[in-house]
Amino acid sequence: MPHANKQLDRSLGTAGVLFLTLSITTPASSLFVIVPGSLQIAGTGALLALAIAGVVCLATALIYAELSSAFPVAGGEYVMVGQTLGPAAGFMMLGVNACNNLLFPPVAALGIASVASTVLPGLPPVPVAVAVLLASMLVGILNIRFNALVTGAFLAAEVAAVLVILALGMAAPVRDVLPLVLHPVAPASGGLIPASAANIGLATSVAIFALNGYGAAVYFGEEMLGAPQRIARAILLALVGALLLEAVPIVAALASAPDLDAFLSAEDPFGTFVRLRGGASLNLWVAIGIVVAIVNAVIACILANGRFFYATARDRSWGRPLDAWLAAIHPRFGSPARATLASGAIGIAACFLPLRLLLLLSGTGLIAIYAGLALATIAGRRTHRTRHAPYRMPLHPIPATATLLVLGTVAWLNALDPEEGRPALFATLAQLLLSALYYALVLRRRGWTAQVQPAP
């Protein structure tokens, strides 16, 4: 049986953490599932949107790199915020993180049946999602080095799917992409029209979400050898990898799509592109690669969730019996087995909720998380709480200030949308409020704080 008097197994190098982090970022599935929405909104302006998002995400990645270098703790963002802005702010971050972390695996798993329809039409979404989550949960309790190898192998299949698009695009280009970037066009009912700045702005929000995931490296910080010195590199490499694996195939497809209007307005533009250029058999293998990518993302997210909830229990967040149970480490695998199983079980239960509700409950959590980290970086510098960090971001406080300005704009754009954006903002505000109340009524009198474990 697992027991609680042992730390996580510190055995990962930079490559292992990078494999796990890129698996969570999952650039190939972002390309097939998220990027089409950006193309429909902004057309060829999606490339400009991705470039802007890349700059924004670079600023955020620098923030993650400095804070992760100072606090390479399995709890991730809530520890960073708690150590710099105080325990109340730290637990508010914990609440938002808990909702976002728990809901991503079921949302991703529920989408597998739709993506796999090319391979096996008519798959039932909920049973498939439950099966994937159950298998991922059982794999997730194993040793972290084994899981790094598994996700690395799956990541290779994901990269192969992206390289297929790149090869097909380079083989027979029919247009120059540069004019389409300098003078972007978007699909409309009457054909292609100039893409507006507003459309490019909305597509930028989609692109930021598509690139997200590079900061997940911190969840594996307590299992990384020399984490304070090495984790910043893993975060920045994960962002660069995601950006290249998403941007380059878009350029290749735009250069080679036989009908640009049809490509930009298609529900599955890259699948259609592969089918037209490479045939049905090649498209089948690419579809399999995308399904593998999503499954890989679910596995990596459940691994991260297990470590997150292990840290919250170690910090005595939920009450003594539950904390002791969740903080147990498996004696053979060195993993937070019970926390992993618990987070996976919650994900399985969430599969039976409406997908729209899950997306609503996810809210605009990224806005709150990124804003909290930007403020944490500024506060950490002013109070010298992060002065021990081996990695120090360049041009401070420009990355943090720029991140806050962009996040304010994104929040404003969401507030203008009464159907999805505004309810999502309210959901995130509710998470923050409930977390603040729980801290004030329960945890403050216990002297709760986000703990930092010493790193060798």
Protein backbone atom coordinates (compact mmCIF):
# COMPACT_ATOMS: atom_id res chain seq x y z
CA MET A 1 0.00 0.00 0.00
CA PRO A 2 1.13 3.59 -0.60
CA HIS A 3 2.41 5.55 2.36
CA ALA A 4 2.95 9.24 3.09
CA ASN A 5 6.49 9.41 4.47
CA LYS A 6 8.30 9.49 1.13
CA GLN A 7 8.93 12.23 -1.41
CA LEU A 8 8.33 12.03 -5.14
CA ASP A 9 10.87 10.09 -7.17
CA ARG A 10 13.36 12.65 -8.51
CA SER A 11 14.55 11.01 -11.73
CA LEU A 12 13.62 13.21 -14.71
CA GLY A 13 16.00 15.17 -16.90
CA THR A 14 15.18 18.11 -19.15
CA ALA A 15 14.09 15.83 -22.02
CA GLY A 16 11.63 13.90 -19.85
CA VAL A 17 9.99 17.07 -18.53
CA LEU A 18 9.93 18.48 -22.07
CA PHE A 19 8.15 15.37 -23.41
CA LEU A 20 5.53 15.57 -20.67
CA THR A 21 5.03 19.31 -21.15
CA LEU A 22 4.74 19.15 -24.94
CA SER A 23 2.25 16.32 -24.50
CA ILE A 24 0.05 18.65 -22.43
CA THR A 25 0.52 21.46 -24.96
CA THR A 26 -0.38 18.88 -27.67
CA PRO A 27 0.39 21.03 -30.75
CA ALA A 28 -0.96 18.51 -33.29
CA SER A 29 -4.39 18.22 -31.71
CA SER A 30 -4.43 22.01 -31.27
CA LEU A 31 -3.74 22.26 -34.98
CA PHE A 32 -6.66 19.99 -35.89
CA VAL A 33 -9.15 20.97 -33.17
CA ILE A 34 -8.49 24.59 -32.11
CA VAL A 35 -6.74 26.28 -35.06
CA PRO A 36 -9.66 25.72 -37.51
CA GLY A 37 -11.72 28.12 -35.39
CA SER A 38 -8.99 30.73 -35.78
CA LEU A 39 -8.94 30.21 -39.57
CA GLN A 40 -12.72 30.62 -39.78
CA ILE A 41 -12.54 33.86 -37.78
CA ALA A 42 -9.51 35.57 -39.34
CA GLY A 43 -8.64 33.56 -42.45
CA THR A 44 -5.01 33.99 -43.40
CA GLY A 45 -4.81 36.55 -40.60
CA ALA A 46 -4.61 33.50 -38.31
CA LEU A 47 -0.88 33.45 -39.02
CA LEU A 48 -0.56 37.04 -37.81
CA ALA A 49 -2.73 36.14 -34.82
CA LEU A 50 -0.45 33.19 -34.05
CA ALA A 51 2.60 35.46 -34.26
CA ILE A 52 1.01 37.93 -31.82
CA ALA A 53 -0.02 35.07 -29.55
CA GLY A 54 3.54 33.77 -29.71
CA VAL A 55 4.86 37.10 -28.40
CA VAL A 56 2.23 37.13 -25.64
CA CYS A 57 2.98 33.53 -24.70
CA LEU A 58 6.71 34.26 -24.71
CA ALA A 59 6.12 36.95 -22.08
CA THR A 60 4.05 34.48 -20.04
CA ALA A 61 6.63 31.71 -20.52
CA LEU A 62 9.34 34.03 -19.17
CA ILE A 63 7.13 34.62 -16.12
CA TYR A 64 6.63 30.88 -15.67
CA ALA A 65 10.36 30.29 -16.13
CA GLU A 66 11.40 32.72 -13.38
CA LEU A 67 8.73 31.65 -10.89
CA SER A 68 9.27 27.93 -11.59
CA SER A 69 12.99 28.40 -11.11
CA ALA A 70 12.28 29.99 -7.72
CA PHE A 71 9.54 27.52 -6.72
CA PRO A 72 9.84 24.22 -8.67
CA VAL A 73 7.03 22.67 -6.62
CA ALA A 74 4.39 20.14 -7.70
CA GLY A 75 1.60 22.52 -6.65
CA GLY A 76 2.54 24.84 -9.50
CA GLU A 77 0.87 28.21 -9.82
CA TYR A 78 -0.82 28.39 -6.45
CA VAL A 79 2.53 27.93 -4.67
CA MET A 80 4.11 30.70 -6.78
CA VAL A 81 1.28 33.10 -6.00
CA GLY A 82 1.03 32.07 -2.36
CA GLN A 83 4.74 32.63 -1.80
CA THR A 84 4.72 36.12 -3.35
CA LEU A 85 1.20 37.54 -2.88
CA GLY A 86 0.19 35.77 0.33
CA PRO A 87 -1.82 32.69 1.32
CA ALA A 88 -5.25 34.14 0.50
CA ALA A 89 -4.24 34.90 -3.09
CA GLY A 90 -2.48 31.52 -3.25
CA PHE A 91 -5.62 29.60 -2.33
CA MET A 92 -7.73 31.63 -4.75
CA MET A 93 -5.28 30.53 -7.44
CA LEU A 94 -5.56 26.97 -6.16
CA GLY A 95 -9.34 27.06 -6.62
CA VAL A 96 -9.17 28.27 -10.21
CA ASN A 97 -6.39 25.79 -10.98
CA ALA A 98 -8.37 22.90 -9.51
CA CYS A 99 -11.35 23.61 -11.77
CA ASN A 100 -9.25 24.03 -14.90
CA ASN A 101 -7.01 21.04 -14.21
CA LEU A 102 -9.87 18.67 -13.43
CA LEU A 103 -12.00 19.66 -16.40
CA PHE A 104 -9.44 19.55 -19.21
CA PRO A 105 -9.03 15.72 -19.34
CA PRO A 106 -12.78 14.98 -19.67
CA VAL A 107 -13.24 17.78 -22.21
CA ALA A 108 -10.34 16.42 -24.30
CA ALA A 109 -11.49 12.81 -23.91
CA LEU A 110 -15.04 13.66 -24.98
CA GLY A 111 -13.62 15.06 -28.22
CA ILE A 112 -11.82 11.85 -29.14
CA ALA A 113 -14.89 10.19 -30.69
CA SER A 114 -15.40 13.16 -33.01
CA VAL A 115 -11.76 13.19 -34.13
CA ALA A 116 -11.73 9.39 -34.49
CA SER A 117 -14.83 9.42 -36.72
CA THR A 118 -12.51 9.23 -39.75
CA VAL A 119 -11.18 5.93 -38.43
CA LEU A 120 -14.26 4.50 -36.69
CA PRO A 121 -17.48 6.40 -37.42
CA GLY A 122 -20.28 6.31 -34.87
CA LEU A 123 -18.19 5.92 -31.71
CA PRO A 124 -20.16 6.91 -28.58
CA PRO A 125 -18.39 9.91 -26.98
CA VAL A 126 -19.03 9.17 -23.28
CA PRO A 127 -17.98 5.47 -23.20
CA VAL A 128 -14.87 6.30 -25.25
CA ALA A 129 -13.99 9.18 -22.92
CA VAL A 130 -14.49 7.04 -19.82
CA ALA A 131 -12.32 4.25 -21.25
CA VAL A 132 -9.52 6.68 -22.16
CA LEU A 133 -9.61 8.35 -18.74
CA LEU A 134 -9.64 5.02 -16.94
CA ALA A 135 -6.65 3.72 -18.92
CA SER A 136 -4.80 7.03 -18.51
CA MET A 137 -5.46 7.00 -14.78
CA LEU A 138 -4.03 3.48 -14.40
CA VAL A 139 -0.96 4.35 -16.48
CA GLY A 140 -0.57 7.56 -14.47
CA ILE A 141 0.14 5.77 -11.19
CA LEU A 142 3.27 4.15 -12.64
CA ASN A 143 6.82 5.48 -12.35
CA ILE A 144 7.32 8.96 -13.84
CA ARG A 145 10.27 7.87 -16.00
CA PHE A 146 8.10 5.18 -17.58
CA ASN A 147 5.39 7.75 -18.22
CA ALA A 148 7.92 10.13 -19.75
CA LEU A 149 8.93 7.37 -22.18
CA VAL A 150 5.28 6.60 -23.00
CA THR A 151 4.40 10.24 -23.65
CA GLY A 152 7.62 10.66 -25.63
CA ALA A 153 6.64 7.78 -27.92
CA PHE A 154 3.13 9.15 -28.37
CA LEU A 155 4.60 12.59 -29.00
CA ALA A 156 6.65 11.13 -31.86
CA ALA A 157 3.40 9.96 -33.52
CA GLU A 158 1.96 13.44 -33.01
CA VAL A 159 4.97 15.10 -34.62
CA ALA A 160 4.77 12.64 -37.52
CA ALA A 161 1.20 13.77 -38.24
CA VAL A 162 2.38 17.38 -38.36
CA LEU A 163 5.30 16.49 -40.64
CA VAL A 164 2.88 14.88 -43.10
CA ILE A 165 1.13 18.24 -43.57
CA LEU A 166 4.48 19.97 -43.93
CA ALA A 167 5.68 17.48 -46.55
CA LEU A 168 2.45 17.68 -48.57
CA GLY A 169 2.55 21.46 -48.48
CA MET A 170 6.17 21.71 -49.57
CA ALA A 171 5.63 19.19 -52.39
CA ALA A 172 3.23 21.29 -54.45
CA PRO A 173 2.84 24.96 -53.41
CA VAL A 174 0.38 26.92 -55.55
CA ARG A 175 0.69 30.41 -54.03
CA ASP A 176 3.03 32.73 -52.16
CA VAL A 177 2.01 33.03 -48.50
CA LEU A 178 3.69 36.37 -47.75
CA PRO A 179 1.04 38.51 -49.53
CA LEU A 180 -1.66 36.63 -47.61
CA VAL A 181 0.05 37.55 -44.35
CA LEU A 182 0.64 41.19 -45.29
CA HIS A 183 -2.89 41.55 -46.68
CA PRO A 184 -4.91 38.91 -44.80
CA VAL A 185 -8.23 37.68 -46.13
CA ALA A 186 -11.03 35.87 -44.30
CA PRO A 187 -13.90 33.69 -45.56
CA ALA A 188 -17.35 35.26 -45.96
CA SER A 189 -20.61 34.30 -47.63
CA GLY A 190 -19.59 35.95 -50.88
CA GLY A 191 -16.00 34.69 -50.92
CA LEU A 192 -12.81 36.02 -49.40
CA ILE A 193 -12.80 39.53 -47.90
CA PRO A 194 -10.10 41.53 -46.08
CA ALA A 195 -9.71 40.30 -42.50
CA SER A 196 -10.57 42.97 -39.94
CA ALA A 197 -8.41 43.92 -36.97
CA ALA A 198 -11.23 42.77 -34.66
CA ASN A 199 -11.23 39.32 -36.28
CA ILE A 200 -7.47 39.03 -35.92
CA GLY A 201 -7.82 40.08 -32.27
CA LEU A 202 -10.38 37.35 -31.61
CA ALA A 203 -8.22 34.81 -33.45
CA THR A 204 -5.31 35.84 -31.21
CA SER A 205 -7.32 34.77 -28.16
CA VAL A 206 -7.89 31.38 -29.80
CA ALA A 207 -4.18 31.11 -30.66
CA ILE A 208 -3.13 31.86 -27.07
CA PHE A 209 -5.32 28.96 -25.93
CA ALA A 210 -3.86 26.72 -28.66
CA LEU A 211 -0.30 27.39 -27.44
CA ASN A 212 -1.10 27.04 -23.74
CA GLY A 213 0.48 24.25 -21.70
CA TYR A 214 4.19 25.15 -21.55
CA GLY A 215 3.90 26.16 -17.88
CA ALA A 216 2.83 22.62 -16.92
CA ALA A 217 6.52 21.74 -16.57
CA VAL A 218 6.42 23.05 -13.01
CA TYR A 219 4.11 20.21 -11.90
CA PHE A 220 7.03 17.85 -12.50
CA GLY A 221 9.56 20.11 -10.77
CA GLU A 222 9.88 17.86 -7.71
CA GLU A 223 10.76 14.93 -9.95
CA MET A 224 13.34 16.82 -12.02
CA LEU A 225 17.04 16.58 -11.26
CA GLY A 226 18.47 20.06 -10.72
CA ALA A 227 15.05 21.62 -11.26
CA PRO A 228 15.88 25.22 -10.24
CA GLN A 229 18.64 25.38 -12.84
CA ARG A 230 16.93 23.38 -15.62
CA ILE A 231 13.18 23.91 -15.50
CA ALA A 232 13.22 27.32 -17.24
CA ARG A 233 14.83 25.72 -20.29
CA ALA A 234 12.13 23.04 -20.46
CA ILE A 235 9.38 25.69 -20.33
CA LEU A 236 10.88 27.87 -23.06
CA LEU A 237 11.67 24.88 -25.30
CA ALA A 238 8.08 23.66 -24.92
CA LEU A 239 6.74 27.02 -26.12
CA VAL A 240 9.13 27.14 -29.08
CA GLY A 241 8.24 23.57 -30.01
CA ALA A 242 4.50 24.24 -29.85
CA LEU A 243 4.83 27.43 -31.89
CA LEU A 244 6.86 25.75 -34.64
CA LEU A 245 4.66 22.64 -34.77
CA GLU A 246 1.56 24.80 -35.21
CA ALA A 247 2.81 27.69 -37.36
CA VAL A 248 4.87 25.80 -39.95
CA PRO A 249 2.05 23.40 -41.02
CA ILE A 250 -0.35 26.36 -41.33
CA VAL A 251 2.08 28.08 -43.71
CA ALA A 252 2.52 24.86 -45.71
CA ALA A 253 -1.23 24.27 -46.00
CA LEU A 254 -1.99 27.88 -46.97
CA ALA A 255 0.66 27.68 -49.68
CA SER A 256 -0.72 24.46 -51.15
CA ALA A 257 -4.49 24.35 -50.51
CA PRO A 258 -6.18 23.96 -53.93
CA ASP A 259 -9.15 26.13 -52.92
CA LEU A 260 -8.15 28.73 -50.33
CA ASP A 261 -11.71 29.82 -49.56
CA ALA A 262 -12.85 26.24 -48.95
CA PHE A 263 -9.79 25.53 -46.80
CA LEU A 264 -10.32 28.56 -44.55
CA SER A 265 -14.02 27.91 -44.01
CA ALA A 266 -13.83 24.10 -43.57
CA GLU A 267 -14.68 22.45 -40.25
CA ASP A 268 -11.70 20.11 -40.70
CA PRO A 269 -9.33 22.04 -42.98
CA PHE A 270 -6.17 20.03 -42.30
CA GLY A 271 -7.91 16.66 -42.57
CA THR A 272 -9.45 17.76 -45.86
CA PHE A 273 -6.06 19.03 -47.04
CA VAL A 274 -4.37 15.70 -46.29
CA ARG A 275 -7.17 13.77 -47.99
CA LEU A 276 -6.97 15.91 -51.15
CA ARG A 277 -3.18 15.92 -51.35
CA GLY A 278 -2.30 12.51 -49.95
CA GLY A 279 -5.38 10.34 -50.33
CA ALA A 280 -7.75 8.60 -47.95
CA SER A 281 -5.19 6.11 -46.59
CA LEU A 282 -2.73 8.81 -45.55
CA ASN A 283 -5.57 10.82 -44.00
CA LEU A 284 -6.52 7.74 -41.99
CA TRP A 285 -3.03 7.47 -40.52
CA VAL A 286 -2.93 11.18 -39.74
CA ALA A 287 -6.31 10.90 -37.99
CA ILE A 288 -4.92 8.05 -35.90
CA GLY A 289 -1.95 10.28 -35.03
CA ILE A 290 -4.28 13.03 -33.83
CA VAL A 291 -6.26 10.58 -31.69
CA VAL A 292 -2.96 9.41 -30.19
CA ALA A 293 -2.05 13.06 -29.52
CA ILE A 294 -5.27 13.67 -27.60
CA VAL A 295 -4.88 10.46 -25.59
CA ASN A 296 -1.30 11.51 -24.85
CA ALA A 297 -2.51 14.89 -23.63
CA VAL A 298 -5.04 13.21 -21.33
CA ILE A 299 -2.33 10.95 -19.85
CA ALA A 300 0.05 13.87 -19.28
CA CYS A 301 -2.70 16.03 -17.76
CA ILE A 302 -3.72 13.29 -15.34
CA LEU A 303 -0.06 12.95 -14.34
CA ALA A 304 0.10 16.70 -13.68
CA ASN A 305 -3.22 16.64 -11.82
CA GLY A 306 -2.01 13.88 -9.52
CA ARG A 307 1.00 15.95 -8.55
CA PHE A 308 -1.10 19.10 -8.12
CA PHE A 309 -3.57 17.45 -5.74
CA TYR A 310 -0.74 15.67 -3.92
CA ALA A 311 0.76 19.09 -3.20
CA THR A 312 -2.57 20.55 -2.05
CA ALA A 313 -2.98 17.65 0.38
CA ARG A 314 0.58 18.02 1.65
CA ASP A 315 -0.28 21.65 2.36
CA ARG A 316 -3.28 20.46 4.44
CA SER A 317 -5.95 22.02 2.23
CA TRP A 318 -8.86 19.58 2.64
CA GLY A 319 -8.89 18.24 6.20
CA ARG A 320 -6.69 15.72 7.98
CA PRO A 321 -8.13 12.35 6.82
CA LEU A 322 -8.41 13.33 3.15
CA ASP A 323 -5.06 15.15 3.17
CA ALA A 324 -3.28 12.12 4.61
CA TRP A 325 -4.90 9.85 2.02
CA LEU A 326 -4.12 12.06 -0.99
CA ALA A 327 -0.54 12.82 0.07
CA ALA A 328 0.49 9.17 0.04
CA ILE A 329 3.34 8.12 -2.27
CA HIS A 330 3.40 4.65 -3.83
CA PRO A 331 6.38 2.73 -2.35
CA ARG A 332 7.28 1.03 -5.63
CA PHE A 333 6.48 3.61 -8.31
CA GLY A 334 7.33 6.75 -6.31
CA SER A 335 4.17 8.40 -7.66
CA PRO A 336 1.24 10.16 -5.96
CA ALA A 337 -0.96 7.18 -6.78
CA ARG A 338 -4.02 8.05 -4.71
CA ALA A 339 -4.11 11.68 -5.83
CA THR A 340 -3.78 10.49 -9.44
CA LEU A 341 -6.64 8.01 -9.04
CA ALA A 342 -8.83 10.60 -7.32
CA SER A 343 -8.34 13.25 -10.01
CA GLY A 344 -8.97 10.66 -12.72
CA ALA A 345 -12.16 9.47 -11.01
CA ILE A 346 -13.48 13.04 -10.86
CA GLY A 347 -12.70 13.39 -14.57
CA ILE A 348 -14.65 10.21 -15.32
CA ALA A 349 -17.66 11.52 -13.36
CA ALA A 350 -17.45 14.82 -15.29
CA CYS A 351 -17.84 12.94 -18.58
CA PHE A 352 -21.52 12.47 -17.76
CA LEU A 353 -22.09 16.25 -17.58
CA PRO A 354 -22.99 18.26 -20.71
CA LEU A 355 -19.89 19.35 -22.63
CA ARG A 356 -21.17 22.94 -22.81
CA LEU A 357 -21.37 23.01 -19.00
CA LEU A 358 -17.81 21.72 -18.70
CA LEU A 359 -16.58 24.44 -21.05
CA LEU A 360 -18.51 27.05 -19.08
CA LEU A 361 -17.09 25.84 -15.76
CA SER A 362 -13.61 26.03 -17.26
CA GLY A 363 -14.52 29.67 -17.65
CA THR A 364 -11.78 32.15 -18.40
CA GLY A 365 -9.46 30.54 -15.88
CA LEU A 366 -6.38 31.17 -18.00
CA ILE A 367 -6.94 34.92 -17.65
CA ALA A 368 -6.98 34.64 -13.86
CA ILE A 369 -4.00 32.28 -13.76
CA TYR A 370 -1.80 34.33 -16.09
CA ALA A 371 -2.76 37.58 -14.34
CA GLY A 372 -1.95 36.08 -10.95
CA LEU A 373 1.46 34.93 -12.17
CA ALA A 374 2.25 38.32 -13.71
CA LEU A 375 1.44 40.03 -10.40
CA ALA A 376 3.42 37.37 -8.54
CA THR A 377 6.50 38.12 -10.64
CA ILE A 378 6.30 41.84 -9.92
CA ALA A 379 5.68 41.25 -6.20
CA GLY A 380 8.45 38.63 -6.01
CA ARG A 381 10.99 41.09 -7.37
CA ARG A 382 9.86 43.91 -5.07
CA THR A 383 9.84 41.78 -1.92
CA HIS A 384 12.91 39.75 -2.96
CA ARG A 385 10.94 36.52 -2.54
CA THR A 386 12.29 35.29 -5.88
CA ARG A 387 15.84 36.61 -5.64
CA HIS A 388 17.17 33.05 -5.12
CA ALA A 389 15.88 31.94 -8.55
CA PRO A 390 18.74 30.80 -10.83
CA TYR A 391 16.75 32.05 -13.85
CA ARG A 392 15.82 35.74 -14.06
CA MET A 393 13.69 36.92 -16.94
CA PRO A 394 15.13 39.67 -19.16
CA LEU A 395 13.58 43.15 -19.44
CA HIS A 396 11.62 42.94 -16.19
CA PRO A 397 8.89 44.20 -15.66
CA ILE A 398 8.01 44.52 -19.36
CA PRO A 399 6.86 40.87 -19.85
CA ALA A 400 4.61 41.00 -16.78
CA THR A 401 3.18 44.42 -17.64
CA ALA A 402 2.55 43.44 -21.27
CA THR A 403 0.84 40.23 -20.12
CA LEU A 404 -1.51 42.18 -17.83
CA LEU A 405 -2.42 44.61 -20.64
CA VAL A 406 -3.18 41.79 -23.08
CA LEU A 407 -5.19 39.89 -20.48
CA GLY A 408 -7.24 43.00 -19.78
CA THR A 409 -8.05 43.26 -23.49
CA VAL A 410 -8.98 39.56 -23.70
CA ALA A 411 -11.24 39.91 -20.65
CA TRP A 412 -12.93 42.94 -22.21
CA LEU A 413 -13.55 41.01 -25.44
CA ASN A 414 -15.08 38.17 -23.43
CA ALA A 415 -17.30 40.59 -21.53
CA LEU A 416 -18.71 41.83 -24.86
CA ASP A 417 -19.94 38.31 -25.72
CA PRO A 418 -23.20 37.69 -23.77
CA GLU A 419 -23.59 34.07 -24.90
CA GLU A 420 -20.24 32.50 -23.99
CA GLY A 421 -17.61 35.05 -22.97
CA ARG A 422 -19.55 36.82 -20.23
CA PRO A 423 -20.88 33.64 -18.53
CA ALA A 424 -17.33 32.24 -18.62
CA LEU A 425 -16.03 35.35 -16.84
CA PHE A 426 -18.74 34.97 -14.21
CA ALA A 427 -17.79 31.31 -13.73
CA THR A 428 -14.16 32.26 -13.08
CA LEU A 429 -15.19 35.05 -10.70
CA ALA A 430 -17.37 32.56 -8.82
CA GLN A 431 -14.40 30.18 -8.47
CA LEU A 432 -12.27 33.01 -7.07
CA LEU A 433 -15.00 34.09 -4.64
CA LEU A 434 -15.71 30.57 -3.35
CA SER A 435 -12.00 29.93 -2.89
CA ALA A 436 -11.60 33.19 -0.97
CA LEU A 437 -14.54 32.28 1.29
CA TYR A 438 -13.14 28.79 1.99
CA TYR A 439 -9.78 30.29 2.90
CA ALA A 440 -11.33 32.97 5.14
CA LEU A 441 -13.75 30.63 6.94
CA VAL A 442 -11.68 27.43 7.16
CA LEU A 443 -8.00 27.72 6.30
CA ARG A 444 -6.92 31.07 7.74
CA ARG A 445 -7.37 29.91 11.34
CA ARG A 446 -5.32 26.81 10.55
CA GLY A 447 -2.43 28.97 9.37
CA TRP A 448 -2.59 27.48 5.87
CA THR A 449 0.26 28.32 3.53
CA ALA A 450 1.65 27.07 0.24
CA GLN A 451 4.77 25.16 1.18
CA VAL A 452 8.01 25.02 -0.76
CA GLN A 453 9.94 21.76 -0.70
CA PRO A 454 13.73 22.03 -0.79
CA ALA A 455 15.29 20.99 -4.08
CA PRO A 456 18.67 19.22 -4.13
